[in-house]
C-alpha atoms as a PDB file:
ATOM      1  CA  MET A   1      16.345 -12.853  44.173  1.00  0.00           C
ATOM      2  CA  PRO A   2      15.349  -9.384  42.934  1.00  0.00           C
ATOM      3  CA  LYS A   3      15.115  -8.786  39.198  1.00  0.00           C
ATOM      4  CA  LYS A   4      17.729  -6.551  37.570  1.00  0.00           C
ATOM      5  CA  ILE A   5      16.869  -3.636  35.278  1.00  0.00           C
ATOM      6  CA  MET A   6      19.391  -1.989  32.980  1.00  0.00           C
ATOM      7  CA  VAL A   7      18.793   1.708  32.299  1.00  0.00           C
ATOM      8  CA  VAL A   8      20.279   2.913  29.013  1.00  0.00           C
ATOM      9  CA  ASP A   9      20.121   6.667  28.397  1.00  0.00           C
ATOM     10  CA  ASP A  10      22.656   9.383  27.599  1.00  0.00           C
ATOM     11  CA  ASP A  11      21.031  11.826  30.033  1.00  0.00           C
ATOM     12  CA  PRO A  12      22.625  11.190  33.454  1.00  0.00           C
ATOM     13  CA  TYR A  13      19.696  12.853  35.258  1.00  0.00           C
ATOM     14  CA  ILE A  14      17.189  10.468  33.693  1.00  0.00           C
ATOM     15  CA  VAL A  15      19.432   7.500  34.438  1.00  0.00           C
ATOM     16  CA  ASP A  16      19.804   8.529  38.090  1.00  0.00           C
ATOM     17  CA  TYR A  17      16.057   9.158  38.376  1.00  0.00           C
ATOM     18  CA  LEU A  18      15.066   5.791  36.893  1.00  0.00           C
ATOM     19  CA  VAL A  19      17.685   3.924  38.940  1.00  0.00           C
ATOM     20  CA  ASN A  20      16.305   5.536  42.109  1.00  0.00           C
ATOM     21  CA  VAL A  21      12.712   4.681  41.157  1.00  0.00           C
ATOM     22  CA  PHE A  22      13.606   1.045  40.429  1.00  0.00           C
ATOM     23  CA  GLU A  23      15.752   0.620  43.541  1.00  0.00           C
ATOM     24  CA  ASP A  24      13.017   2.197  45.698  1.00  0.00           C
ATOM     25  CA  HIS A  25      10.740  -0.590  44.428  1.00  0.00           C
ATOM     26  CA  GLY A  26      13.182  -3.382  45.266  1.00  0.00           C
ATOM     27  CA  TYR A  27      14.870  -3.923  41.904  1.00  0.00           C
ATOM     28  CA  LEU A  28      18.586  -4.239  41.256  1.00  0.00           C
ATOM     29  CA  THR A  29      19.951  -1.912  38.579  1.00  0.00           C
ATOM     30  CA  CYS A  30      22.815  -1.324  36.206  1.00  0.00           C
ATOM     31  CA  ARG A  31      23.326   1.512  33.752  1.00  0.00           C
ATOM     32  CA  ALA A  32      24.880   2.580  30.477  1.00  0.00           C
ATOM     33  CA  SER A  33      25.045   5.897  28.624  1.00  0.00           C
ATOM     34  CA  ASP A  34      25.091   4.653  25.009  1.00  0.00           C
ATOM     35  CA  GLY A  35      24.554   1.549  22.921  1.00  0.00           C
ATOM     36  CA  VAL A  36      28.223   0.580  22.773  1.00  0.00           C
ATOM     37  CA  SER A  37      28.760   0.527  26.534  1.00  0.00           C
ATOM     38  CA  ALA A  38      25.263  -0.933  27.044  1.00  0.00           C
ATOM     39  CA  TYR A  39      26.257  -4.076  25.172  1.00  0.00           C
ATOM     40  CA  ASP A  40      29.234  -4.646  27.467  1.00  0.00           C
ATOM     41  CA  VAL A  41      27.185  -3.866  30.589  1.00  0.00           C
ATOM     42  CA  ALA A  42      24.434  -6.273  29.504  1.00  0.00           C
ATOM     43  CA  MET A  43      26.944  -9.077  28.922  1.00  0.00           C
ATOM     44  CA  ALA A  44      28.501  -8.528  32.359  1.00  0.00           C
ATOM     45  CA  GLU A  45      25.359  -7.788  34.398  1.00  0.00           C
ATOM     46  CA  LYS A  46      22.751 -10.079  32.742  1.00  0.00           C
ATOM     47  CA  PRO A  47      19.721  -7.801  33.286  1.00  0.00           C
ATOM     48  CA  ASP A  48      16.159  -9.146  33.241  1.00  0.00           C
ATOM     49  CA  LEU A  49      14.731  -6.040  31.518  1.00  0.00           C
ATOM     50  CA  ILE A  50      16.083  -2.965  29.726  1.00  0.00           C
ATOM     51  CA  THR A  51      14.769   0.577  29.584  1.00  0.00           C
ATOM     52  CA  LEU A  52      16.163   2.121  26.436  1.00  0.00           C
ATOM     53  CA  ASP A  53      16.495   5.616  25.036  1.00  0.00           C
ATOM     54  CA  LEU A  54      16.575   5.787  21.242  1.00  0.00           C
ATOM     55  CA  GLU A  55      18.824   8.714  20.397  1.00  0.00           C
ATOM     56  CA  MET A  56      22.257   8.407  22.014  1.00  0.00           C
ATOM     57  CA  PRO A  57      25.878   9.030  21.015  1.00  0.00           C
ATOM     58  CA  ASN A  58      28.075   6.254  19.549  1.00  0.00           C
ATOM     59  CA  GLU A  59      25.235   3.798  18.917  1.00  0.00           C
ATOM     60  CA  TRP A  60      21.494   4.414  18.893  1.00  0.00           C
ATOM     61  CA  GLY A  61      19.148   2.333  21.008  1.00  0.00           C
ATOM     62  CA  PRO A  62      17.546   0.279  18.205  1.00  0.00           C
ATOM     63  CA  ARG A  63      20.910  -0.790  16.803  1.00  0.00           C
ATOM     64  CA  PHE A  64      22.156  -1.812  20.256  1.00  0.00           C
ATOM     65  CA  TYR A  65      18.965  -3.786  20.894  1.00  0.00           C
ATOM     66  CA  ARG A  66      19.191  -5.613  17.556  1.00  0.00           C
ATOM     67  CA  ARG A  67      22.828  -6.500  18.256  1.00  0.00           C
ATOM     68  CA  LEU A  68      22.082  -7.649  21.825  1.00  0.00           C
ATOM     69  CA  THR A  69      19.127  -9.841  20.849  1.00  0.00           C
ATOM     70  CA  LEU A  70      21.359 -11.759  18.420  1.00  0.00           C
ATOM     71  CA  GLU A  71      22.904 -13.239  21.580  1.00  0.00           C
ATOM     72  CA  GLU A  72      20.861 -16.310  22.538  1.00  0.00           C
ATOM     73  CA  GLN A  73      20.668 -15.402  26.244  1.00  0.00           C
ATOM     74  CA  PHE A  74      19.097 -12.027  25.350  1.00  0.00           C
ATOM     75  CA  SER A  75      16.932 -13.066  22.402  1.00  0.00           C
ATOM     76  CA  ASP A  76      13.709 -12.513  24.378  1.00  0.00           C
ATOM     77  CA  ILE A  77      14.743  -9.827  26.875  1.00  0.00           C
ATOM     78  CA  PRO A  78      11.927  -7.343  27.431  1.00  0.00           C
ATOM     79  CA  VAL A  79      12.660  -3.742  26.502  1.00  0.00           C
ATOM     80  CA  ILE A  80      10.786  -0.565  27.388  1.00  0.00           C
ATOM     81  CA  VAL A  81      11.547   2.331  25.069  1.00  0.00           C
ATOM     82  CA  ILE A  82      11.672   5.680  26.899  1.00  0.00           C
ATOM     83  CA  SER A  83      12.332   8.557  24.525  1.00  0.00           C
ATOM     84  CA  GLY A  84      11.390  12.083  23.599  1.00  0.00           C
ATOM     85  CA  LEU A  85      11.521  11.334  19.874  1.00  0.00           C
ATOM     86  CA  PRO A  86       8.319  11.239  17.804  1.00  0.00           C
ATOM     87  CA  GLY A  87       7.285   7.884  16.347  1.00  0.00           C
ATOM     88  CA  ILE A  88       8.934   5.934  19.166  1.00  0.00           C
ATOM     89  CA  HIS A  89       6.272   3.227  19.013  1.00  0.00           C
ATOM     90  CA  MET A  90       7.745   2.102  15.674  1.00  0.00           C
ATOM     91  CA  ALA A  91      11.435   2.053  16.682  1.00  0.00           C
ATOM     92  CA  ILE A  92      11.536  -1.403  18.278  1.00  0.00           C
ATOM     93  CA  LYS A  93       8.604  -3.572  17.270  1.00  0.00           C
ATOM     94  CA  ARG A  94       9.157  -6.080  20.102  1.00  0.00           C
ATOM     95  CA  ALA A  95       9.152  -3.440  22.848  1.00  0.00           C
ATOM     96  CA  VAL A  96       6.772  -4.299  25.691  1.00  0.00           C
ATOM     97  CA  ALA A  97       5.968  -0.574  25.944  1.00  0.00           C
ATOM     98  CA  THR A  98       6.934   2.813  24.581  1.00  0.00           C
ATOM     99  CA  ILE A  99       6.918   5.744  26.965  1.00  0.00           C
ATOM    100  CA  LYS A 100       7.258   9.370  25.939  1.00  0.00           C
ATOM    101  CA  LYS A 101       9.465  11.724  27.967  1.00  0.00           C
ATOM    102  CA  PRO A 102       8.576  13.263  30.345  1.00  0.00           C
ATOM    103  CA  PHE A 103       7.089  10.172  31.984  1.00  0.00           C
ATOM    104  CA  ASP A 104       5.164   9.183  35.091  1.00  0.00           C
ATOM    105  CA  PRO A 105       7.301   6.877  37.292  1.00  0.00           C
ATOM    106  CA  THR A 106       4.191   5.050  38.510  1.00  0.00           C
ATOM    107  CA  GLU A 107       3.355   4.100  34.915  1.00  0.00           C
ATOM    108  CA  VAL A 108       6.922   2.881  34.361  1.00  0.00           C
ATOM    109  CA  ILE A 109       6.820   0.680  37.487  1.00  0.00           C
ATOM    110  CA  GLU A 110       3.459  -0.817  36.452  1.00  0.00           C
ATOM    111  CA  ILE A 111       4.845  -1.696  33.015  1.00  0.00           C
ATOM    112  CA  VAL A 112       8.016  -3.170  34.548  1.00  0.00           C
ATOM    113  CA  ARG A 113       6.000  -5.333  36.953  1.00  0.00           C
ATOM    114  CA  LYS A 114       3.813  -6.668  34.137  1.00  0.00           C
ATOM    115  CA  ALA A 115       6.792  -7.315  31.862  1.00  0.00           C
ATOM    116  CA  LEU A 116       8.656  -9.210  34.589  1.00  0.00           C
ATOM    117  CA  GLY A 117       5.560 -11.060  35.838  1.00  0.00           C
ATOM    118  CA  ASP A 118       6.079  -9.371  39.189  1.00  0.00           C
ATOM    119  CA  THR A 119       2.798  -9.492  41.103  1.00  0.00           C
ATOM    120  CA  ALA A 120       4.153  -8.646  44.547  1.00  0.00           C
ATOM    121  CA  ASP A 121       3.519  -5.193  45.938  1.00  0.00           C
ATOM    122  CA  LEU A 122       7.015  -3.743  45.967  1.00  0.00           C
ATOM    123  CA  GLY A 123       5.947  -0.167  46.755  1.00  0.00           C
END
């Protein structure tokens, strides 16, 4: 069964781009445009990994992530922070990686594979 990645970003172009990259590499995807809707999507979709923007309307990424990880089923979910903000490496201490926008999709896929323990060549 393919792993599922949730893309959380308020920029629809980035969301579409990441979803396409992940799906092209065999992953299932779901999406949300802010922290409030992301919580509901995560509860319904049960992703295996989250890519997370920091600065979004309604609820910022770090607050959403803190709230989500209070749920036992998501207490250890890997998160990759993808943001244009400075100091992103300090926003979520448990992040498996922090990637600055603009990003290289190859780098993102490598990080995702490592975080999910995915050793198969999906490309």
